Amino acid sequence: MKRIYVLALSLILLSGCSSLQKFMPSNFDNAEFMQLAELKTAAGWSATCHPGELKRMAYISRTLKTYSANTLNANITNIYDGINSLVEELYARENPSEGYCKIKRQNIVLAIDSALDTFGGRVK
């Protein structure tokens, strides 16, 4: 009888541990983190809307979006979609004012900072 209790308890513990896995942070992804850091650097580089800078930001943002859509979970993909949306809005804007560029780039940096804070704490 004691063996049955031990076996039942073992099964409960094993199934409980596998259920807890979804609450554990995913492993650190240095490629993803590097892309975010690169995008933050490009976005914070200046407050202007120089076409070359915006093109670079759009490229990095699109790369992150594609990468996350094919390797990561839906929550992370949604974060990158939001960042990409901000970048694409700035990139597509025709003749934006200096103030618009400055504010939009600051918003992009804030969104990236939030992602870096979240993802930087994952298991390395």
Protein backbone atom coordinates (compact mmCIF):
# COMPACT_ATOMS: atom_id res chain seq x y z
CA MET A 1 0.00 0.00 0.00
CA LYS A 2 2.87 2.34 0.84
CA ARG A 3 4.32 1.80 -2.65
CA ILE A 4 1.05 2.92 -4.23
CA TYR A 5 1.10 6.15 -2.22
CA VAL A 6 4.73 6.81 -3.17
CA LEU A 7 3.97 6.09 -6.83
CA ALA A 8 0.89 8.34 -6.81
CA LEU A 9 2.80 11.14 -5.10
CA SER A 10 5.64 10.82 -7.63
CA LEU A 11 3.20 11.05 -10.53
CA ILE A 12 1.55 14.13 -9.06
CA LEU A 13 4.91 15.81 -8.51
CA LEU A 14 6.11 15.02 -12.03
CA SER A 15 2.95 16.29 -13.65
CA GLY A 16 3.04 19.39 -11.45
CA CYS A 17 6.61 20.18 -12.48
CA SER A 18 5.78 19.94 -16.16
CA SER A 19 2.84 22.30 -15.64
CA LEU A 20 5.11 24.81 -13.94
CA GLN A 21 7.39 24.95 -16.98
CA LYS A 22 5.06 27.39 -18.74
CA PHE A 23 5.64 29.89 -15.90
CA MET A 24 9.42 29.64 -16.06
CA PRO A 25 11.31 32.23 -18.14
CA SER A 26 12.52 31.08 -21.50
CA ASN A 27 16.22 30.76 -22.12
CA PHE A 28 18.21 33.84 -23.00
CA ASP A 29 18.46 34.45 -26.73
CA ASN A 30 21.56 36.51 -27.44
CA ALA A 31 20.70 37.03 -31.14
CA GLU A 32 17.36 38.56 -30.20
CA PHE A 33 18.87 40.67 -27.42
CA MET A 34 21.60 41.96 -29.75
CA GLN A 35 19.03 43.00 -32.36
CA LEU A 36 17.09 44.90 -29.70
CA ALA A 37 20.25 46.62 -28.49
CA GLU A 38 21.17 47.52 -32.06
CA LEU A 39 17.70 48.94 -32.71
CA LYS A 40 17.88 50.98 -29.50
CA THR A 41 21.24 52.39 -30.56
CA ALA A 42 19.91 53.29 -34.02
CA ALA A 43 16.75 54.86 -32.58
CA GLY A 44 18.63 56.84 -29.95
CA TRP A 45 21.43 57.91 -32.27
CA SER A 46 19.80 61.23 -33.12
CA ALA A 47 16.48 63.03 -33.02
CA THR A 48 16.27 63.67 -36.76
CA CYS A 49 14.55 61.80 -39.57
CA HIS A 50 17.58 61.18 -41.75
CA PRO A 51 16.40 58.66 -44.39
CA GLY A 52 19.43 56.41 -43.94
CA GLU A 53 18.89 56.14 -40.20
CA LEU A 54 15.18 55.42 -40.58
CA LYS A 55 15.87 52.79 -43.23
CA ARG A 56 18.32 51.06 -40.88
CA MET A 57 15.80 51.16 -38.02
CA ALA A 58 13.09 49.70 -40.28
CA TYR A 59 15.42 46.91 -41.38
CA ILE A 60 16.35 45.91 -37.84
CA SER A 61 12.74 46.12 -36.67
CA ARG A 62 11.52 43.97 -39.56
CA THR A 63 14.28 41.45 -38.83
CA LEU A 64 13.19 41.21 -35.18
CA LYS A 65 9.55 40.79 -36.21
CA THR A 66 10.40 38.00 -38.66
CA TYR A 67 12.73 36.31 -36.18
CA SER A 68 10.19 36.33 -33.38
CA ALA A 69 7.35 35.14 -35.57
CA ASN A 70 9.33 32.02 -36.38
CA THR A 71 11.09 31.20 -33.13
CA LEU A 72 9.47 32.75 -30.08
CA ASN A 73 6.15 32.77 -28.27
CA ALA A 74 3.12 34.93 -29.09
CA ASN A 75 3.68 37.42 -26.25
CA ILE A 76 7.18 38.25 -27.44
CA THR A 77 5.98 38.45 -31.04
CA ASN A 78 3.33 40.96 -29.94
CA ILE A 79 6.00 43.11 -28.29
CA TYR A 80 8.07 43.13 -31.49
CA ASP A 81 4.97 43.85 -33.56
CA GLY A 82 4.34 46.93 -31.41
CA ILE A 83 7.92 48.13 -31.75
CA ASN A 84 7.83 47.48 -35.49
CA SER A 85 4.57 49.41 -35.78
CA LEU A 86 6.20 52.49 -34.20
CA VAL A 87 9.24 52.23 -36.46
CA GLU A 88 7.18 51.67 -39.61
CA GLU A 89 4.98 54.65 -38.78
CA LEU A 90 8.05 56.87 -38.53
CA TYR A 91 9.67 55.35 -41.63
CA ALA A 92 6.55 55.81 -43.79
CA ARG A 93 5.89 59.41 -42.74
CA GLU A 94 6.51 61.90 -45.54
CA ASN A 95 8.33 65.10 -44.56
CA PRO A 96 7.98 64.70 -40.79
CA SER A 97 8.75 67.67 -38.59
CA GLU A 98 11.78 67.69 -36.33
CA GLY A 99 9.54 67.56 -33.25
CA TYR A 100 7.64 64.55 -34.59
CA CYS A 101 10.89 62.69 -35.25
CA LYS A 102 12.23 63.45 -31.81
CA ILE A 103 9.06 62.32 -30.01
CA LYS A 104 8.59 59.21 -32.17
CA ARG A 105 12.20 58.13 -31.69
CA GLN A 106 11.90 58.66 -27.93
CA ASN A 107 8.77 56.46 -27.91
CA ILE A 108 10.61 53.77 -29.85
CA VAL A 109 13.51 53.88 -27.38
CA LEU A 110 11.08 53.62 -24.44
CA ALA A 111 9.39 50.57 -25.99
CA ILE A 112 12.76 48.94 -26.61
CA ASP A 113 13.95 49.75 -23.06
CA SER A 114 10.90 47.98 -21.70
CA ALA A 115 11.63 44.92 -23.84
CA LEU A 116 15.33 44.94 -22.90
CA ASP A 117 14.45 45.14 -19.20
CA THR A 118 12.08 42.21 -19.57
CA PHE A 119 14.25 40.01 -21.75
CA GLY A 120 17.56 40.88 -20.09
CA GLY A 121 16.35 39.24 -16.87
CA ARG A 122 15.87 35.86 -18.49
CA VAL A 123 18.04 32.90 -17.70
CA LYS A 124 21.40 33.15 -19.45
